[in-house]
Amino acid sequence: MIRQALSDVGKGYVAAIHEGFSGHPLANTLRRDLPAYLRQSLGPDADGLLIEGSAGQGRWAEVPWVAFFEPSVTESATSGYYPVYLFSIATNQLHLSLNQGTTRVTEEFRSEALRVLKGRAELMRQRVADFRDGLPEMSISLGSAVGKLGRGYVAGHAIGKTYDLNNLPSEEVLLADLRHALEAYRELIFRGGLDFSGEASSTSDNPGGSIDEERRYRMHYRIERNSRAARLAKSHHGYTCQVCDFNFYTVYGDIGKDFIEAHHLKPISSLEAGTKVRYDVATDFAVLCSNCHRMVHRTTDPSDLQALRNSLQKK
């Protein structure tokens, strides 16, 4: 199913780009059908991931793609890092690539963007070096006539695997390679992603400990800062602190409307390298005022809101 869809895109794209873009069946395959096939085939391995495809915006893209986004890292192809299928029509190849969003980097670094992307790709490569056997390609080609976005993909590639679009491997091999790439992605997130600052935690509430404990703290706070998860949690739980009942709108008026902080309830100790991160807003998140949010992270179990309530009641 995946093999056929990938093959259809590769074989049909050259002809498609000479036809109308709006509503074209091949564009719909990339946007809708292929992501759905991938999610269905991956099963639980796709939990927590956004899967999106693109044939372009308003016109055919020079490099169509289907990408996998962990929302705590990025929710779009313009920023962050993610595994992606890149269709190289010029070279008749399909690249499974652990790559980066180029748009934000280009906006920030301009003429230095390619150098920055290459440096970040090398950092990613080092952090998941143990995955190179299954994802051996450390460079990709998208053809000599590729534009700025394509050059960004080439510079941003860390590790991956390249296939001949005329001779794709079996469904089983494609799925095994994809699962390996997703495992590398989740390990990369756990190991610091594109953070150049080393292993030290960014939060002063971290009590210290092993490197793995530091990494769990990083993951925990990354999840809480995830805008999508926070937005869904607030929509579900409302805007009144679930520990002290403080409501910013009641106290501050309009400037406090719809303000609250989302708190990730899963114990830090449960966050393991390479594991899937689920976002069940009903059970995995709470909403807290700023004070309670800070205080709950000073307790021995930040998932135990009742213990914090009890400490307030004693005062």
Protein backbone atom coordinates (compact mmCIF):
# COMPACT_ATOMS: atom_id res chain seq x y z
CA MET A 1 0.00 0.00 0.00
CA ILE A 2 2.75 2.48 0.99
CA ARG A 3 5.05 1.13 -1.71
CA GLN A 4 2.40 1.62 -4.37
CA ALA A 5 1.55 5.16 -3.23
CA LEU A 6 5.22 6.18 -3.13
CA SER A 7 5.73 4.68 -6.57
CA ASP A 8 2.64 6.43 -7.95
CA VAL A 9 3.92 9.80 -6.80
CA GLY A 10 7.39 9.21 -8.20
CA LYS A 11 6.16 7.99 -11.57
CA GLY A 12 3.33 10.46 -11.96
CA TYR A 13 4.93 13.69 -10.80
CA VAL A 14 6.83 14.51 -14.00
CA ALA A 15 3.61 14.43 -16.00
CA ALA A 16 1.56 16.09 -13.26
CA ILE A 17 3.67 19.25 -13.11
CA HIS A 18 2.62 20.04 -16.67
CA GLU A 19 -1.04 19.87 -15.64
CA GLY A 20 -3.22 22.07 -13.46
CA PHE A 21 -2.27 22.08 -9.78
CA SER A 22 -5.57 22.80 -8.04
CA GLY A 23 -7.47 19.62 -7.20
CA HIS A 24 -5.03 17.35 -9.04
CA PRO A 25 -5.34 13.70 -7.89
CA LEU A 26 -1.59 13.37 -7.35
CA ALA A 27 -1.54 16.43 -5.08
CA ASN A 28 -4.39 14.86 -3.11
CA THR A 29 -2.42 11.61 -2.85
CA LEU A 30 0.48 13.50 -1.25
CA ARG A 31 -1.66 15.58 1.08
CA ARG A 32 -4.24 13.04 2.13
CA ASP A 33 -3.86 9.45 0.93
CA LEU A 34 -0.17 8.80 1.55
CA PRO A 35 -0.16 10.24 5.11
CA ALA A 36 -3.24 8.13 5.88
CA TYR A 37 -1.59 4.96 4.51
CA LEU A 38 1.53 5.67 6.54
CA ARG A 39 -0.40 6.19 9.77
CA GLN A 40 -2.43 3.04 9.24
CA SER A 41 0.64 0.93 8.42
CA LEU A 42 2.74 2.27 11.30
CA GLY A 43 -0.01 1.65 13.85
CA PRO A 44 1.13 2.54 17.40
CA ASP A 45 4.51 3.72 16.06
CA ALA A 46 2.70 6.78 14.70
CA ASP A 47 1.20 7.71 18.07
CA GLY A 48 1.71 11.38 18.91
CA LEU A 49 3.06 12.28 15.47
CA LEU A 50 1.64 14.65 12.89
CA ILE A 51 2.02 13.22 9.37
CA GLU A 52 1.72 15.71 6.54
CA GLY A 53 2.49 15.73 2.84
CA SER A 54 2.90 18.53 0.32
CA ALA A 55 2.95 18.86 -3.44
CA GLY A 56 3.39 22.61 -3.14
CA GLN A 57 1.38 25.72 -2.29
CA GLY A 58 -0.45 27.20 -5.25
CA ARG A 59 1.92 25.50 -7.67
CA TRP A 60 3.85 22.26 -7.95
CA ALA A 61 6.83 21.94 -5.59
CA GLU A 62 10.22 21.11 -7.02
CA VAL A 63 10.66 18.59 -4.19
CA PRO A 64 7.38 17.04 -2.97
CA TRP A 65 7.51 15.52 0.51
CA VAL A 66 5.79 13.65 3.32
CA ALA A 67 7.07 14.44 6.83
CA PHE A 68 6.61 13.23 10.41
CA PHE A 69 6.44 15.89 13.13
CA GLU A 70 6.74 15.42 16.88
CA PRO A 71 4.70 18.44 18.09
CA SER A 72 7.07 19.16 20.98
CA VAL A 73 9.74 19.85 18.33
CA THR A 74 7.77 21.29 15.40
CA GLU A 75 4.35 21.28 13.80
CA SER A 76 5.43 22.25 10.29
CA ALA A 77 8.16 21.68 7.72
CA THR A 78 9.44 25.24 8.09
CA SER A 79 11.26 24.77 11.40
CA GLY A 80 12.76 22.20 13.75
CA TYR A 81 13.87 18.77 12.62
CA TYR A 82 11.99 15.69 11.48
CA PRO A 83 12.09 12.54 9.30
CA VAL A 84 10.80 13.15 5.80
CA TYR A 85 10.36 11.41 2.47
CA LEU A 86 11.83 13.69 -0.21
CA PHE A 87 10.95 12.88 -3.82
CA SER A 88 13.84 13.78 -6.09
CA ILE A 89 12.22 13.89 -9.51
CA ALA A 90 15.43 15.06 -11.20
CA THR A 91 17.42 12.02 -10.01
CA ASN A 92 14.45 9.60 -9.89
CA GLN A 93 15.16 8.86 -6.23
CA LEU A 94 13.26 8.79 -2.97
CA HIS A 95 15.16 9.91 0.13
CA LEU A 96 14.11 8.89 3.62
CA SER A 97 15.90 11.71 5.42
CA LEU A 98 16.34 12.93 8.97
CA ASN A 99 16.27 16.57 7.97
CA GLN A 100 15.48 20.13 9.10
CA GLY A 101 13.10 22.94 8.40
CA THR A 102 14.92 25.45 6.21
CA THR A 103 12.55 28.42 6.07
CA ARG A 104 13.11 29.74 9.59
CA VAL A 105 16.86 29.19 9.35
CA THR A 106 16.98 31.10 6.05
CA GLU A 107 14.95 33.96 7.52
CA GLU A 108 17.29 34.23 10.50
CA PHE A 109 20.71 33.55 8.96
CA ARG A 110 20.18 34.58 5.32
CA SER A 111 23.42 34.08 3.38
CA GLU A 112 24.81 31.89 6.17
CA ALA A 113 21.78 29.56 6.20
CA LEU A 114 23.37 26.65 4.34
CA ARG A 115 26.41 26.73 6.60
CA VAL A 116 24.16 26.72 9.68
CA LEU A 117 22.07 23.85 8.33
CA LYS A 118 25.20 21.79 7.61
CA GLY A 119 26.50 22.44 11.12
CA ARG A 120 23.23 21.39 12.69
CA ALA A 121 23.07 18.30 10.47
CA GLU A 122 26.50 17.27 11.75
CA LEU A 123 25.33 17.69 15.34
CA MET A 124 22.28 15.50 14.60
CA ARG A 125 24.54 12.96 12.90
CA GLN A 126 26.77 12.74 15.96
CA ARG A 127 23.86 12.38 18.38
CA VAL A 128 22.34 9.43 16.52
CA ALA A 129 25.56 7.88 15.24
CA ASP A 130 24.40 4.46 16.44
CA PHE A 131 21.59 4.53 13.86
CA ARG A 132 23.88 4.94 10.85
CA ASP A 133 23.99 1.22 10.01
CA GLY A 134 20.30 1.25 9.15
CA LEU A 135 20.33 4.82 7.79
CA PRO A 136 23.73 4.97 6.11
CA GLU A 137 23.33 7.87 3.68
CA MET A 138 25.01 10.99 5.06
CA SER A 139 24.42 13.04 1.91
CA ILE A 140 21.65 13.30 -0.66
CA SER A 141 21.29 14.71 -4.18
CA LEU A 142 18.20 16.45 -5.52
CA GLY A 143 19.68 17.32 -8.91
CA SER A 144 21.88 20.15 -10.16
CA ALA A 145 19.00 22.48 -11.05
CA VAL A 146 17.40 22.42 -7.63
CA GLY A 147 16.32 25.76 -6.14
CA LYS A 148 16.88 27.41 -2.76
CA LEU A 149 14.53 25.15 -0.83
CA GLY A 150 16.06 22.04 -2.37
CA ARG A 151 19.58 23.23 -1.52
CA GLY A 152 18.36 23.68 2.04
CA TYR A 153 17.17 20.07 2.16
CA VAL A 154 20.54 18.88 0.87
CA ALA A 155 22.40 20.91 3.50
CA GLY A 156 19.98 19.93 6.28
CA HIS A 157 20.20 16.17 5.73
CA ALA A 158 21.77 14.24 8.61
CA ILE A 159 21.26 10.52 8.00
CA GLY A 160 18.85 8.45 5.94
CA LYS A 161 18.32 5.99 3.15
CA THR A 162 17.95 6.45 -0.60
CA TYR A 163 15.78 4.35 -2.92
CA ASP A 164 15.43 4.05 -6.69
CA LEU A 165 11.87 5.15 -7.49
CA ASN A 166 11.78 2.62 -10.35
CA ASN A 167 12.77 -0.23 -8.05
CA LEU A 168 11.45 0.39 -4.55
CA PRO A 169 12.05 -2.36 -1.99
CA SER A 170 9.22 -4.41 -0.53
CA GLU A 171 6.54 -2.98 1.74
CA GLU A 172 8.16 -4.77 4.68
CA VAL A 173 11.58 -3.21 4.04
CA LEU A 174 10.12 0.27 3.56
CA LEU A 175 8.21 -0.01 6.84
CA ALA A 176 11.22 -1.35 8.74
CA ASP A 177 13.38 1.51 7.46
CA LEU A 178 10.71 4.07 8.37
CA ARG A 179 10.32 2.66 11.88
CA HIS A 180 14.10 2.84 12.28
CA ALA A 181 14.07 6.49 11.19
CA LEU A 182 11.29 7.31 13.66
CA GLU A 183 13.22 5.59 16.44
CA ALA A 184 16.28 7.67 15.54
CA TYR A 185 14.10 10.79 15.61
CA ARG A 186 12.77 10.06 19.08
CA GLU A 187 16.26 9.28 20.34
CA LEU A 188 17.53 12.53 18.85
CA ILE A 189 14.84 14.46 20.71
CA PHE A 190 15.76 12.72 23.97
CA ARG A 191 19.47 13.33 23.40
CA GLY A 192 19.10 17.07 22.97
CA GLY A 193 18.06 17.55 19.35
CA LEU A 194 19.61 20.76 18.02
CA ASP A 195 20.50 22.12 21.44
CA PHE A 196 24.17 23.13 21.35
CA SER A 197 24.34 23.96 25.05
CA GLY A 198 25.42 20.53 26.22
CA GLU A 199 23.76 18.17 28.65
CA ALA A 200 22.91 20.60 31.46
CA SER A 201 19.23 21.20 32.08
CA SER A 202 17.66 24.54 31.30
CA THR A 203 15.53 24.54 34.45
CA SER A 204 16.74 25.64 37.86
CA ASP A 205 14.28 23.21 39.50
CA ASN A 206 16.16 20.21 38.18
CA PRO A 207 17.71 18.44 41.18
CA GLY A 208 20.53 17.07 39.06
CA GLY A 209 21.54 13.46 38.61
CA SER A 210 22.52 11.32 35.67
CA ILE A 211 22.55 12.41 32.06
CA ASP A 212 19.36 10.42 31.47
CA GLU A 213 17.65 12.22 34.35
CA GLU A 214 18.72 15.56 32.91
CA ARG A 215 17.35 14.52 29.52
CA ARG A 216 14.03 13.50 31.05
CA TYR A 217 13.72 16.96 32.55
CA ARG A 218 14.44 18.51 29.15
CA MET A 219 11.77 16.34 27.54
CA HIS A 220 9.26 17.10 30.29
CA TYR A 221 9.62 20.86 29.92
CA ARG A 222 9.67 20.63 26.12
CA ILE A 223 6.30 18.86 26.26
CA GLU A 224 4.85 21.52 28.56
CA ARG A 225 6.05 24.27 26.24
CA ASN A 226 4.50 22.56 23.22
CA SER A 227 2.01 25.15 21.98
CA ARG A 228 -0.34 22.60 20.44
CA ALA A 229 -0.57 20.43 23.56
CA ALA A 230 -0.94 23.51 25.79
CA ARG A 231 -3.68 24.95 23.59
CA LEU A 232 -5.65 21.70 23.62
CA ALA A 233 -5.18 21.26 27.37
CA LYS A 234 -6.52 24.75 28.09
CA SER A 235 -9.46 24.25 25.78
CA HIS A 236 -10.33 21.02 27.58
CA HIS A 237 -9.67 22.00 31.21
CA GLY A 238 -10.53 25.69 31.14
CA TYR A 239 -8.66 28.62 32.68
CA THR A 240 -9.02 28.12 36.44
CA CYS A 241 -6.08 26.64 38.37
CA GLN A 242 -6.86 23.04 39.27
CA VAL A 243 -4.97 23.34 42.56
CA CYS A 244 -5.87 26.72 44.08
CA ASP A 245 -8.84 27.80 41.89
CA PHE A 246 -7.10 31.04 40.89
CA ASN A 247 -8.48 32.62 37.73
CA PHE A 248 -6.45 35.33 36.02
CA TYR A 249 -9.46 36.92 34.33
CA THR A 250 -11.32 37.25 37.65
CA VAL A 251 -8.36 39.01 39.27
CA TYR A 252 -6.81 40.98 36.38
CA GLY A 253 -9.72 41.54 34.03
CA ASP A 254 -9.26 41.52 30.27
CA ILE A 255 -5.47 41.15 30.32
CA GLY A 256 -5.91 37.88 32.20
CA LYS A 257 -8.54 36.46 29.86
CA ASP A 258 -7.77 32.92 28.66
CA PHE A 259 -4.44 32.88 30.52
CA ILE A 260 -3.31 29.77 32.38
CA GLU A 261 -0.34 27.39 32.18
CA ALA A 262 -0.47 23.78 30.99
CA HIS A 263 1.24 21.20 33.17
CA HIS A 264 2.37 17.78 31.95
CA LEU A 265 1.22 15.17 34.47
CA LYS A 266 3.26 12.17 33.40
CA PRO A 267 6.06 11.50 35.89
CA ILE A 268 9.47 12.48 34.57
CA SER A 269 10.73 9.00 35.41
CA SER A 270 8.29 7.54 32.86
CA LEU A 271 9.86 9.46 29.97
CA GLU A 272 12.29 7.07 28.35
CA ALA A 273 14.57 7.38 25.36
CA GLY A 274 12.94 6.50 22.07
CA THR A 275 9.42 6.18 23.49
CA LYS A 276 6.33 7.62 21.84
CA VAL A 277 4.95 10.78 23.47
CA ARG A 278 1.16 10.77 23.65
CA TYR A 279 -0.95 13.88 24.09
CA ASP A 280 -4.16 12.91 25.85
CA VAL A 281 -5.19 16.32 27.11
CA ALA A 282 -7.82 14.87 29.45
CA THR A 283 -5.43 12.64 31.39
CA ASP A 284 -1.89 13.81 30.63
CA PHE A 285 -2.28 17.54 31.35
CA ALA A 286 -3.64 19.88 33.99
CA VAL A 287 -3.97 23.67 34.01
CA LEU A 288 -2.27 25.61 36.80
CA CYS A 289 -1.61 29.19 37.79
CA SER A 290 2.01 30.30 37.57
CA ASN A 291 2.65 29.88 41.31
CA CYS A 292 1.18 26.40 41.57
CA HIS A 293 2.99 25.38 38.40
CA ARG A 294 6.32 26.38 39.89
CA MET A 295 5.53 24.76 43.23
CA VAL A 296 4.38 21.43 41.80
CA HIS A 297 7.78 21.07 40.14
CA ARG A 298 9.42 21.40 43.54
CA THR A 299 7.52 18.40 44.90
CA THR A 300 8.73 14.81 44.77
CA ASP A 301 5.90 13.87 42.41
CA PRO A 302 4.81 16.66 40.01
CA SER A 303 1.90 14.47 38.87
CA ASP A 304 0.31 14.48 42.35
CA LEU A 305 -1.84 17.60 42.34
CA GLN A 306 -3.76 16.44 45.41
CA ALA A 307 -0.60 16.57 47.51
CA LEU A 308 -0.12 20.21 46.53
CA ARG A 309 -3.77 20.94 47.34
CA ASN A 310 -3.31 19.34 50.76
CA SER A 311 -0.26 21.53 51.46
CA LEU A 312 -2.35 24.62 50.67
CA GLN A 313 -5.15 23.51 52.95
CA LYS A 314 -2.76 23.18 55.87
CA LYS A 315 -1.83 26.87 55.65
